Amino acid sequence: MKYSSLYWEDVMASQDLPTLSKEITVTTIIIGAIATRDLYPLHHDFRFAQKAGVRDILMNNITTGGFIGRYLTDWSGPEGEMRRMKFRLGMPCHPGDTLTMTGKVVKRYKDGDQHLVDIEYNFLVSEGSHCRGTATISMPSRVGA
């Protein structure tokens, strides 16, 4: 993933973001739940999850949101700023899943002195879409306002 500054002028509508894959482990899910103070047993107790009708513990919403934010800001670079993020959950993400993150720039525009890009993204697991959504990122410009 790219960590250097990406400038608004270098981004084009319909441009794909790099695909990133992350192997999800039990540790990933439990640490995410603990870090977000989500102690609901579905995120750390295998037996509880099975009794609830799912095959294993699953990633919580806030951890998913963290992965979204990291994916998008790693792409935009350290000067990109998340202005808005929306997502809808789909299939659960369990230990052993590979979370494949994809995105596309759908719009590049200015609003006042801000240089903005709108992104659509989709995070996939083997059973289908884990989450999909949209985000707006403010980008640095080489020429300013």
Foldseek 3Di string as FASTA:
>chain_A
DAAAADALVNADAFDKFDKDKDQAALCLQLVQCVVVVNVDCLSRPQVVVVVVPDRGRFHDPVSVVVVVVVSVDNRNHPQKDWDDKDKDADDTDHHRWMWMKIKGWHDWDDDVQWTKTKMWIFIATPVGTGMIIMTMMTHHHPVTD
